N, C-alpha and C. Protein backbone atom coordinates (compact mmCIF):
# COMPACT_ATOMS: atom_id res chain seq x y z
N MET A 1 111.92 88.07 113.02
CA MET A 1 111.61 86.94 113.93
C MET A 1 112.90 86.51 114.40
N ASP A 2 113.10 86.15 116.00
CA ASP A 2 114.36 85.43 116.13
C ASP A 2 114.02 83.88 115.97
N ASN A 3 114.94 83.27 116.17
CA ASN A 3 115.11 81.80 115.72
C ASN A 3 114.46 81.19 116.80
N LYS A 4 114.27 81.36 118.13
CA LYS A 4 113.70 80.67 119.23
C LYS A 4 112.26 81.06 118.81
N LYS A 5 111.79 82.00 118.42
CA LYS A 5 110.52 82.09 118.23
C LYS A 5 109.96 81.60 117.11
N LYS A 6 110.77 81.38 116.11
CA LYS A 6 110.51 80.41 114.78
C LYS A 6 110.48 78.99 115.19
N GLU A 7 111.35 78.50 115.90
CA GLU A 7 111.23 77.27 116.34
C GLU A 7 110.04 77.07 117.14
N PHE A 8 109.67 77.66 117.82
CA PHE A 8 108.28 77.77 118.89
C PHE A 8 107.12 77.68 117.83
N LEU A 9 106.94 78.44 116.88
CA LEU A 9 106.07 78.45 116.20
C LEU A 9 105.85 77.18 115.38
N ALA A 10 107.00 76.93 114.72
CA ALA A 10 107.06 75.44 113.94
C ALA A 10 106.69 74.42 114.74
N GLY A 11 106.89 74.23 115.91
CA GLY A 11 106.71 73.18 116.74
C GLY A 11 104.80 73.09 117.09
N ILE A 12 104.54 74.54 117.16
CA ILE A 12 103.21 74.54 117.28
C ILE A 12 102.45 73.89 116.13
N GLU A 13 102.70 74.57 114.88
CA GLU A 13 102.23 74.24 113.77
C GLU A 13 102.34 72.55 113.52
N ASP A 14 103.37 72.11 113.91
CA ASP A 14 103.93 70.52 113.73
C ASP A 14 102.70 69.64 114.74
N SER A 15 102.51 70.19 115.92
CA SER A 15 101.70 69.70 116.80
C SER A 15 100.23 69.82 116.40
N LYS A 16 99.66 70.91 115.59
CA LYS A 16 98.35 70.87 115.26
C LYS A 16 98.27 69.91 114.31
N GLY A 17 99.15 69.62 113.41
CA GLY A 17 98.88 68.48 112.32
C GLY A 17 98.56 67.21 112.67
N ASN A 18 99.30 66.61 113.76
CA ASN A 18 99.27 65.38 114.21
C ASN A 18 98.61 65.06 115.22
N TRP A 19 97.95 65.77 115.87
CA TRP A 19 97.10 65.62 117.18
C TRP A 19 95.91 64.43 116.71
N LEU A 20 95.50 64.77 115.83
CA LEU A 20 94.24 64.01 115.30
C LEU A 20 94.85 62.44 114.81
N GLU A 21 96.02 62.70 113.92
CA GLU A 21 96.57 61.52 113.58
C GLU A 21 97.17 60.29 115.18
N LYS A 22 97.36 61.13 116.04
CA LYS A 22 97.77 60.42 117.27
C LYS A 22 96.57 60.13 118.01
N ALA A 23 95.38 60.84 117.91
CA ALA A 23 94.09 60.38 118.91
C ALA A 23 93.75 59.24 117.89
N LYS A 24 93.69 59.17 116.65
CA LYS A 24 93.19 58.03 116.02
C LYS A 24 93.83 56.67 116.35
N TYR A 25 95.14 56.92 116.23
CA TYR A 25 96.06 55.87 116.52
C TYR A 25 95.93 55.10 118.08
N ARG A 26 95.62 56.22 118.91
CA ARG A 26 95.32 55.58 120.22
C ARG A 26 94.07 54.94 120.46
N ARG A 27 93.09 55.45 119.68
CA ARG A 27 91.87 54.99 119.59
C ARG A 27 91.66 53.57 119.02
N GLU A 28 92.42 53.28 117.77
CA GLU A 28 92.36 52.33 117.03
C GLU A 28 93.53 50.85 117.77
N ASN A 29 94.10 51.30 118.69
CA ASN A 29 95.27 50.72 119.17
C ASN A 29 95.29 50.47 120.95
N ARG A 30 94.01 50.94 121.10
CA ARG A 30 93.33 51.04 122.76
C ARG A 30 93.49 49.93 123.51
N VAL A 31 93.17 48.40 123.03
CA VAL A 31 93.33 47.41 123.60
C VAL A 31 94.88 47.09 124.21
N TRP A 32 95.69 46.84 123.17
CA TRP A 32 97.02 46.49 123.54
C TRP A 32 97.66 47.60 124.05
N LEU A 33 97.44 48.74 123.97
CA LEU A 33 97.93 50.02 124.55
C LEU A 33 98.01 50.19 126.11
N ARG A 34 96.68 49.74 126.47
CA ARG A 34 96.25 49.48 128.19
C ARG A 34 97.01 48.27 128.65
N LYS A 35 97.06 47.10 127.88
CA LYS A 35 97.83 45.98 128.31
C LYS A 35 99.38 46.41 128.49
N SER A 36 99.97 47.22 127.48
CA SER A 36 101.08 47.60 127.69
C SER A 36 101.49 48.29 128.83
N GLN A 37 100.68 49.41 129.13
CA GLN A 37 100.68 50.44 130.04
C GLN A 37 101.02 49.45 131.44
N ARG A 38 99.72 48.60 131.48
CA ARG A 38 100.05 47.79 132.67
C ARG A 38 101.10 46.99 133.03
N ILE A 39 101.39 46.56 132.12
CA ILE A 39 102.91 45.70 132.07
C ILE A 39 104.12 46.74 132.43
N ALA A 40 104.04 48.05 131.86
CA ALA A 40 105.16 48.61 132.05
C ALA A 40 104.98 49.14 133.75
N VAL A 41 103.74 49.47 134.35
CA VAL A 41 103.46 49.88 135.57
C VAL A 41 104.03 48.74 136.24
N ARG A 42 103.88 47.55 136.14
CA ARG A 42 104.22 46.36 137.20
C ARG A 42 105.88 46.19 136.78
N ILE A 43 106.47 46.45 135.54
CA ILE A 43 108.08 46.31 135.57
C ILE A 43 108.53 47.42 136.58
N LEU A 44 108.03 48.76 136.26
CA LEU A 44 108.47 49.81 137.27
C LEU A 44 108.09 49.29 138.79
N SER A 45 107.11 48.90 139.14
CA SER A 45 107.23 48.52 140.47
C SER A 45 108.19 47.42 140.66
N VAL A 46 108.27 46.23 140.21
CA VAL A 46 109.47 45.70 140.49
C VAL A 46 110.46 45.94 140.43
N LEU A 47 111.01 46.74 139.38
CA LEU A 47 112.34 47.61 139.51
C LEU A 47 112.34 48.05 141.05
N ASN A 48 111.51 48.77 141.00
CA ASN A 48 111.71 49.50 142.45
C ASN A 48 111.90 48.40 143.64
N GLU A 49 110.81 47.41 143.72
CA GLU A 49 111.32 46.55 144.92
C GLU A 49 112.48 45.80 144.91
N LYS A 50 113.13 45.64 143.77
CA LYS A 50 114.17 45.07 143.49
C LYS A 50 115.74 46.22 143.57
N GLY A 51 115.22 47.24 143.77
CA GLY A 51 116.24 48.17 143.88
C GLY A 51 117.13 48.29 142.51
N MET A 52 116.33 47.89 141.16
CA MET A 52 117.07 48.06 140.07
C MET A 52 116.73 49.36 139.30
N GLN A 53 118.01 49.70 138.44
CA GLN A 53 117.68 50.67 137.42
C GLN A 53 117.13 50.17 136.17
N GLN A 54 116.61 50.98 135.33
CA GLN A 54 116.19 50.55 134.07
C GLN A 54 117.51 50.22 133.14
N LYS A 55 118.58 50.75 133.30
CA LYS A 55 119.86 50.33 132.76
C LYS A 55 120.55 49.09 133.15
N ASP A 56 120.31 48.63 134.50
CA ASP A 56 120.31 47.41 135.00
C ASP A 56 119.26 46.13 134.27
N LEU A 57 118.45 46.64 134.03
CA LEU A 57 117.35 45.71 133.40
C LEU A 57 117.78 45.58 131.87
N ALA A 58 118.31 46.66 131.35
CA ALA A 58 118.84 46.44 130.01
C ALA A 58 119.87 45.58 129.79
N GLU A 59 120.99 45.60 130.48
CA GLU A 59 122.06 44.90 130.71
C GLU A 59 121.75 43.58 130.85
N ALA A 60 120.81 42.99 131.72
CA ALA A 60 120.49 41.82 132.02
C ALA A 60 119.49 41.02 130.89
N MET A 61 118.94 41.97 130.05
CA MET A 61 118.16 41.60 129.00
C MET A 61 118.99 41.66 127.61
N ASP A 62 120.13 42.06 127.78
CA ASP A 62 121.08 42.15 126.52
C ASP A 62 120.56 43.24 125.33
N VAL A 63 119.79 44.39 126.05
CA VAL A 63 118.95 45.07 124.83
C VAL A 63 119.63 46.61 125.24
N SER A 64 119.20 47.66 124.53
CA SER A 64 119.63 49.16 124.74
C SER A 64 118.91 49.66 125.74
N PRO A 65 119.27 50.48 126.79
CA PRO A 65 118.45 51.24 127.54
C PRO A 65 117.55 52.02 127.11
N GLN A 66 117.71 52.15 125.40
CA GLN A 66 116.64 53.15 124.91
C GLN A 66 115.16 52.42 124.74
N GLN A 67 115.64 50.84 124.50
CA GLN A 67 114.38 49.86 124.79
C GLN A 67 113.67 49.71 125.75
N ILE A 68 114.52 49.62 126.90
CA ILE A 68 113.63 49.58 128.03
C ILE A 68 113.11 50.65 128.48
N SER A 69 113.62 51.89 127.91
CA SER A 69 112.76 53.34 128.11
C SER A 69 111.24 53.17 127.53
N LYS A 70 111.30 52.72 126.09
CA LYS A 70 109.98 52.44 125.32
C LYS A 70 109.20 51.36 126.32
N ILE A 71 109.59 50.26 126.69
CA ILE A 71 108.74 49.61 127.41
C ILE A 71 108.14 50.15 128.20
N VAL A 72 108.96 51.04 129.31
CA VAL A 72 108.20 51.43 130.73
C VAL A 72 107.48 52.57 130.37
N LYS A 73 107.44 53.26 128.93
CA LYS A 73 106.51 53.90 128.65
C LYS A 73 105.19 53.56 128.56
N GLY A 74 104.98 52.36 128.30
CA GLY A 74 103.76 51.56 127.89
C GLY A 74 103.31 51.84 126.44
N LYS A 75 104.39 52.16 125.53
CA LYS A 75 103.60 52.36 124.30
C LYS A 75 104.39 51.15 123.42
N GLN A 76 105.06 50.27 124.05
CA GLN A 76 105.87 49.53 123.10
C GLN A 76 104.86 48.27 123.14
N ASN A 77 104.71 47.85 121.77
CA ASN A 77 103.88 46.69 121.23
C ASN A 77 105.06 45.45 121.40
N LEU A 78 104.79 44.75 122.64
CA LEU A 78 105.73 43.47 123.25
C LEU A 78 105.48 42.59 122.61
N THR A 79 106.64 41.87 122.21
CA THR A 79 106.36 40.30 121.68
C THR A 79 106.19 39.47 122.83
N LEU A 80 105.68 37.93 122.72
CA LEU A 80 105.94 37.06 123.70
C LEU A 80 107.33 36.92 124.29
N GLU A 81 108.28 37.05 123.41
CA GLU A 81 109.78 36.99 123.59
C GLU A 81 110.03 37.89 124.49
N THR A 82 109.83 39.31 124.12
CA THR A 82 110.32 40.21 125.15
C THR A 82 109.66 39.80 126.20
N ILE A 83 108.22 39.72 126.44
CA ILE A 83 107.67 39.40 127.74
C ILE A 83 108.43 38.32 128.52
N SER A 84 108.53 37.19 127.72
CA SER A 84 109.36 36.17 128.46
C SER A 84 110.45 36.53 129.20
N LYS A 85 111.51 37.18 128.31
CA LYS A 85 112.81 37.79 128.70
C LYS A 85 112.49 38.53 129.96
N LEU A 86 111.50 39.43 129.82
CA LEU A 86 111.18 40.36 131.12
C LEU A 86 110.96 39.43 132.31
N GLU A 87 110.16 38.40 132.31
CA GLU A 87 109.57 37.64 133.27
C GLU A 87 111.00 37.08 133.84
N THR A 88 111.68 36.15 132.91
CA THR A 88 112.66 35.36 133.63
C THR A 88 113.93 36.51 134.42
N VAL A 89 113.98 37.65 133.77
CA VAL A 89 115.09 38.58 134.43
C VAL A 89 114.53 39.17 135.76
N LEU A 90 113.25 39.35 135.85
CA LEU A 90 112.91 40.06 136.75
C LEU A 90 111.99 39.02 137.82
N GLU A 91 111.80 38.00 137.42
CA GLU A 91 111.35 36.92 138.07
C GLU A 91 109.97 37.00 138.50
N VAL A 92 109.22 37.51 137.80
CA VAL A 92 107.67 37.70 138.07
C VAL A 92 106.88 37.06 136.86
N LYS A 93 105.62 37.06 136.76
CA LYS A 93 104.71 36.94 135.82
C LYS A 93 104.10 38.21 135.20
N LEU A 94 104.13 38.57 134.22
CA LEU A 94 103.72 39.78 133.72
C LEU A 94 102.57 39.54 132.79
N PHE A 95 102.27 38.11 132.46
CA PHE A 95 101.14 38.00 131.31
C PHE A 95 101.21 36.28 131.35
N GLU A 96 99.83 35.97 131.60
CA GLU A 96 99.59 34.49 131.43
C GLU A 96 98.38 34.43 130.82
N VAL A 97 98.42 33.28 130.18
CA VAL A 97 97.27 32.93 129.29
C VAL A 97 96.91 31.47 130.03
N PRO A 98 95.46 31.60 130.12
CA PRO A 98 94.70 30.60 130.79
C PRO A 98 94.62 29.38 130.12
N VAL A 99 94.86 28.10 130.69
CA VAL A 99 95.10 26.78 130.13
C VAL A 99 93.65 26.22 130.26
N PRO A 100 92.95 25.86 129.08
CA PRO A 100 91.62 25.39 129.36
C PRO A 100 91.74 24.04 129.77
N HIS A 101 90.44 23.74 130.55
CA HIS A 101 90.31 22.52 130.98
C HIS A 101 89.47 21.45 130.27
N VAL A 102 90.59 20.33 129.61
CA VAL A 102 89.66 19.61 128.75
C VAL A 102 89.70 18.19 129.31
N GLU A 103 88.63 17.77 128.93
CA GLU A 103 88.32 16.39 129.16
C GLU A 103 88.04 15.58 128.12
N MET A 104 88.79 14.29 128.26
CA MET A 104 88.85 13.44 127.15
C MET A 104 88.32 11.80 127.55
N ASN A 105 87.31 11.45 126.79
CA ASN A 105 87.06 9.80 127.08
C ASN A 105 87.73 9.14 126.40
N VAL A 106 88.81 8.05 126.84
CA VAL A 106 89.45 7.36 126.12
C VAL A 106 88.99 5.89 126.44
N GLU A 107 88.56 4.73 125.51
CA GLU A 107 88.55 3.81 125.75
C GLU A 107 89.44 2.63 125.63
N GLN A 108 90.01 2.02 126.67
CA GLN A 108 90.90 1.15 126.60
C GLN A 108 90.41 -0.06 127.09
N LYS A 109 90.75 -1.11 126.09
CA LYS A 109 90.24 -2.65 126.43
C LYS A 109 88.78 -2.62 127.04
N GLY A 110 87.86 -1.75 126.12
CA GLY A 110 86.39 -1.56 126.47
C GLY A 110 86.09 -0.98 127.67
N LEU A 111 87.21 -0.52 128.35
CA LEU A 111 86.77 0.24 129.77
C LEU A 111 86.69 1.64 129.43
N PRO A 112 85.81 2.29 129.69
CA PRO A 112 85.96 4.11 129.54
C PRO A 112 86.61 4.64 130.59
N HIS A 113 87.70 5.44 130.10
CA HIS A 113 88.61 6.11 131.01
C HIS A 113 88.45 7.31 130.63
N THR A 114 88.32 8.68 132.01
CA THR A 114 88.30 9.82 131.66
C THR A 114 89.79 10.39 132.08
N TRP A 115 90.18 11.24 131.22
CA TRP A 115 91.51 12.07 131.47
C TRP A 115 91.19 13.30 131.77
N GLN A 116 91.73 13.96 132.80
CA GLN A 116 91.74 15.48 133.08
C GLN A 116 93.29 15.70 133.22
C-alpha cells in the first residue's frame, strides 16, 4: 500500500474514533458555542463594513492572527476581557448585560425619598 493511501485510511480511522466525542462536546457546550458563533458573525460583519482584515484586527488588539482566526470561527470561549478589547477596537457592542432597575426608599430627616 502506498503512503498516500495509508495516510488516507489513518485519517478515516481517526475521524471514526472522535466524532462521538466532538458531538458530545458540542452538545454539552451548546449555549456558549452559539453565543460565540453570533459574536464571530458580528465581528466578520464589522470587519467587512470597515474594510479591515483579520490581521489588522490582530495587530490592533496586539494578539496573533491565529487567535483572531479562532475567534472568528466561533469556537473560542471568549473572556470578558477579550470581548471588551474587541468592542473597543471595532467600536461596536458585541455583548451587553442588562442593568436591573432598582428602587430604594431612603428616609432623610423623616421625609421618604425614592431613588431611581
